[in-house]
Amino acid sequence: MKKLAFLFVIALMMGACQNNSQNSDNGEEAADSTAKTVLVAYFSASEVRATERVAKNLAEATDADLFEIVPAMAYTTEDLDWKDEQSRSTIEMKDSTARPEVISKVENMDQYTTIYVGFPIWWYTAPRIINTFLEQYDLTGKTIIPFATSGGSDMGKSGEDLKKASAPNANWILPGKVLNGNPPVDSLKVWVESLK
């Protein structure tokens, strides 16, 4: 009888160990299932940070991760003077091969299936640093949706330019959208739904 009781206790302990192992595995699966598949990446150059404000609201509207595209050398007010032929931004925008360096990468880009890319419109297109960002990754098959802020221009051919130069194998939803005036989360949700 003692031997049977001992075997019963051993069987219970083995069952508990197996359950703990399964719970541990389920916990890892649950953690993996919370990984987000949408990324909002943005570049915001001026002190106003207009693109950043829109990007934060868009990340909330899409339940996305947020990533700032940060230049290795920050842009000064003088760098952004579009009236100055010798300003840094003017020189970069005149050179279609310019690729300003960025200081960080999205380490887990493989997990994202949809990427919103935001930027201010410069010279009727995207700043060259957006090309730098896109060219760091294999974006084959990923959906890319551009959005922008602008002092007066529309999207122009910025999305087409980016697709052709830096991510031809991605699935682009074009032309994208200029989102001025810090649109609220609810209106951004309406725009996102309209893309489906």
Protein backbone atom coordinates (compact mmCIF):
# COMPACT_ATOMS: atom_id res chain seq x y z
CA MET A 1 0.00 0.00 0.00
CA LYS A 2 2.84 2.39 0.86
CA LYS A 3 4.43 1.55 -2.47
CA LEU A 4 1.21 2.45 -4.34
CA ALA A 5 0.91 5.75 -2.43
CA PHE A 6 4.55 6.55 -3.24
CA LEU A 7 3.98 5.84 -6.96
CA PHE A 8 0.83 8.00 -6.90
CA VAL A 9 2.77 10.93 -5.40
CA ILE A 10 5.53 10.51 -8.02
CA ALA A 11 2.89 10.49 -10.79
CA LEU A 12 1.33 13.68 -9.42
CA MET A 13 4.71 15.41 -9.26
CA MET A 14 5.52 14.42 -12.85
CA GLY A 15 2.14 15.75 -13.99
CA ALA A 16 2.77 19.06 -12.20
CA CYS A 17 6.19 19.37 -13.84
CA GLN A 18 4.68 18.69 -17.25
CA ASN A 19 1.94 21.31 -16.65
CA ASN A 20 4.53 23.88 -15.58
CA SER A 21 6.52 23.16 -18.73
CA GLN A 22 3.40 23.58 -20.89
CA ASN A 23 2.46 26.80 -19.10
CA SER A 24 5.96 28.10 -19.70
CA ASP A 25 5.70 27.27 -23.39
CA ASN A 26 2.26 28.90 -23.59
CA GLY A 27 3.67 31.99 -21.91
CA GLU A 28 6.37 32.25 -24.55
CA GLU A 29 3.78 31.83 -27.30
CA ALA A 30 1.61 34.50 -25.69
CA ALA A 31 4.55 36.88 -25.56
CA ASP A 32 5.33 36.18 -29.20
CA SER A 33 1.70 36.79 -30.21
CA THR A 34 1.83 40.30 -28.73
CA ALA A 35 4.57 41.36 -31.16
CA LYS A 36 3.23 44.14 -33.33
CA THR A 37 3.15 43.87 -37.11
CA VAL A 38 2.73 47.58 -37.89
CA LEU A 39 5.50 50.17 -37.68
CA VAL A 40 5.29 53.95 -37.93
CA ALA A 41 8.73 55.30 -38.88
CA TYR A 42 9.20 59.04 -39.21
CA PHE A 43 11.73 61.80 -39.79
CA SER A 44 10.99 65.17 -38.22
CA ALA A 45 13.58 67.86 -38.91
CA SER A 46 12.38 71.24 -37.70
CA GLU A 47 11.92 72.55 -34.16
CA VAL A 48 8.15 72.46 -34.72
CA ARG A 49 8.26 68.62 -34.86
CA ALA A 50 5.08 68.52 -36.97
CA THR A 51 5.80 65.10 -38.50
CA GLU A 52 6.59 63.66 -35.07
CA ARG A 53 3.22 64.74 -33.66
CA VAL A 54 1.37 63.16 -36.57
CA ALA A 55 3.45 59.97 -36.32
CA LYS A 56 2.66 59.56 -32.62
CA ASN A 57 -1.07 59.90 -33.27
CA LEU A 58 -0.86 57.52 -36.22
CA ALA A 59 0.98 54.93 -34.11
CA GLU A 60 -1.84 55.15 -31.58
CA ALA A 61 -4.50 54.90 -34.31
CA THR A 62 -2.88 51.78 -35.80
CA ASP A 63 -1.62 50.19 -32.56
CA ALA A 64 1.85 50.33 -34.08
CA ASP A 65 5.40 50.54 -32.85
CA LEU A 66 7.01 53.95 -33.32
CA PHE A 67 10.51 54.58 -34.68
CA GLU A 68 12.23 57.91 -35.21
CA ILE A 69 14.65 58.19 -38.14
CA VAL A 70 17.45 60.22 -36.56
CA PRO A 71 20.22 61.76 -38.66
CA ALA A 72 23.80 61.22 -37.51
CA MET A 73 24.23 64.98 -37.84
CA ALA A 74 21.18 66.95 -36.75
CA TYR A 75 19.76 69.55 -39.12
CA THR A 76 20.10 73.16 -37.95
CA THR A 77 17.76 75.98 -38.89
CA GLU A 78 20.38 77.13 -41.39
CA ASP A 79 20.57 73.62 -42.86
CA LEU A 80 16.83 73.72 -43.53
CA ASP A 81 16.79 77.12 -45.26
CA TRP A 82 15.31 76.20 -48.63
CA LYS A 83 15.97 79.72 -49.96
CA ASP A 84 19.73 79.28 -49.50
CA GLU A 85 21.34 77.51 -52.47
CA GLN A 86 24.23 76.46 -50.21
CA SER A 87 22.17 75.08 -47.33
CA ARG A 88 22.66 71.43 -46.47
CA SER A 89 19.10 70.44 -47.37
CA THR A 90 19.27 72.24 -50.73
CA ILE A 91 22.52 70.52 -51.63
CA GLU A 92 21.16 67.10 -50.61
CA MET A 93 17.95 67.54 -52.54
CA LYS A 94 19.80 68.53 -55.71
CA ASP A 95 21.72 65.23 -55.53
CA SER A 96 19.46 62.21 -56.04
CA THR A 97 22.26 59.93 -54.79
CA ALA A 98 22.70 61.77 -51.46
CA ARG A 99 22.13 59.46 -48.49
CA PRO A 100 22.47 61.26 -45.14
CA GLU A 101 23.64 58.88 -42.44
CA VAL A 102 21.23 57.70 -39.74
CA ILE A 103 22.25 56.68 -36.24
CA SER A 104 20.04 53.66 -35.65
CA LYS A 105 18.19 50.81 -37.33
CA VAL A 106 14.98 48.94 -36.63
CA GLU A 107 16.45 45.75 -35.18
CA ASN A 108 13.39 43.57 -35.71
CA MET A 109 12.17 44.80 -39.11
CA ASP A 110 11.28 41.25 -40.16
CA GLN A 111 8.30 41.22 -37.78
CA TYR A 112 6.55 44.14 -39.51
CA THR A 113 4.23 43.59 -42.45
CA THR A 114 3.03 47.20 -42.76
CA ILE A 115 5.25 50.27 -42.48
CA TYR A 116 3.98 53.84 -42.45
CA VAL A 117 6.83 56.18 -43.42
CA GLY A 118 6.46 59.85 -42.50
CA PHE A 119 8.47 62.90 -43.49
CA PRO A 120 8.22 66.60 -44.28
CA ILE A 121 7.94 67.40 -47.98
CA TRP A 122 11.21 68.92 -49.26
CA TRP A 123 11.40 70.20 -52.82
CA TYR A 124 8.15 68.38 -53.69
CA THR A 125 9.43 64.98 -52.56
CA ALA A 126 10.79 63.06 -49.56
CA PRO A 127 14.09 64.09 -47.91
CA ARG A 128 17.02 61.90 -48.97
CA ILE A 129 17.31 60.52 -45.44
CA ILE A 130 14.13 58.54 -46.12
CA ASN A 131 15.99 56.76 -48.93
CA THR A 132 18.78 56.00 -46.44
CA PHE A 133 16.25 54.50 -44.03
CA LEU A 134 14.49 52.33 -46.62
CA GLU A 135 17.69 51.05 -48.20
CA GLN A 136 18.90 49.54 -44.91
CA TYR A 137 16.35 46.70 -45.14
CA ASP A 138 14.96 44.04 -47.43
CA LEU A 139 11.39 45.31 -47.73
CA THR A 140 10.27 42.75 -50.30
CA GLY A 141 6.56 42.05 -49.89
CA LYS A 142 6.03 44.54 -47.08
CA THR A 143 3.29 47.15 -47.40
CA ILE A 144 4.60 50.71 -47.26
CA ILE A 145 2.32 53.71 -46.83
CA PRO A 146 3.90 57.16 -47.02
CA PHE A 147 2.54 60.17 -45.15
CA ALA A 148 3.88 63.68 -44.93
CA THR A 149 3.58 67.14 -43.48
CA SER A 150 4.01 70.17 -45.66
CA GLY A 151 3.95 73.93 -45.65
CA GLY A 152 2.01 73.98 -48.90
CA SER A 153 2.90 71.08 -51.19
CA ASP A 154 0.94 67.89 -51.70
CA MET A 155 2.52 64.42 -51.83
CA GLY A 156 3.58 65.01 -55.42
CA LYS A 157 5.62 62.03 -56.63
CA SER A 158 7.34 61.43 -53.30
CA GLY A 159 5.97 57.90 -52.93
CA GLU A 160 6.76 56.99 -56.52
CA ASP A 161 10.26 58.44 -56.15
CA LEU A 162 10.91 56.40 -53.00
CA LYS A 163 9.53 53.21 -54.52
CA LYS A 164 11.66 53.52 -57.64
CA ALA A 165 14.89 54.52 -55.90
CA SER A 166 14.85 52.61 -52.64
CA ALA A 167 12.20 49.90 -52.25
CA PRO A 168 10.94 48.64 -55.61
CA ASN A 169 9.96 45.21 -54.26
CA ALA A 170 7.66 46.51 -51.53
CA ASN A 171 3.90 46.85 -51.94
CA TRP A 172 3.31 50.59 -51.91
CA ILE A 173 -0.06 52.20 -51.22
CA LEU A 174 0.22 55.43 -53.20
CA PRO A 175 0.12 58.34 -53.36
CA GLY A 176 0.04 58.46 -49.56
CA LYS A 177 -1.34 61.45 -47.71
CA VAL A 178 -0.32 64.85 -46.41
CA LEU A 179 -1.47 65.03 -42.79
CA ASN A 180 -1.16 68.64 -41.65
CA GLY A 181 -2.57 70.27 -38.55
CA ASN A 182 -1.92 67.39 -36.16
CA PRO A 183 -5.02 65.34 -37.03
CA PRO A 184 -6.60 63.53 -34.06
CA VAL A 185 -6.40 59.77 -33.61
CA ASP A 186 -10.04 59.20 -34.63
CA SER A 187 -9.63 60.94 -38.00
CA LEU A 188 -6.42 58.98 -38.61
CA LYS A 189 -8.32 55.75 -37.93
CA VAL A 190 -10.80 56.75 -40.64
CA TRP A 191 -7.95 57.30 -43.11
CA VAL A 192 -6.32 53.98 -42.20
CA GLU A 193 -9.62 52.13 -42.68
CA SER A 194 -10.02 53.75 -46.10
CA LEU A 195 -6.78 52.10 -47.22
CA LYS A 196 -8.13 48.57 -46.76
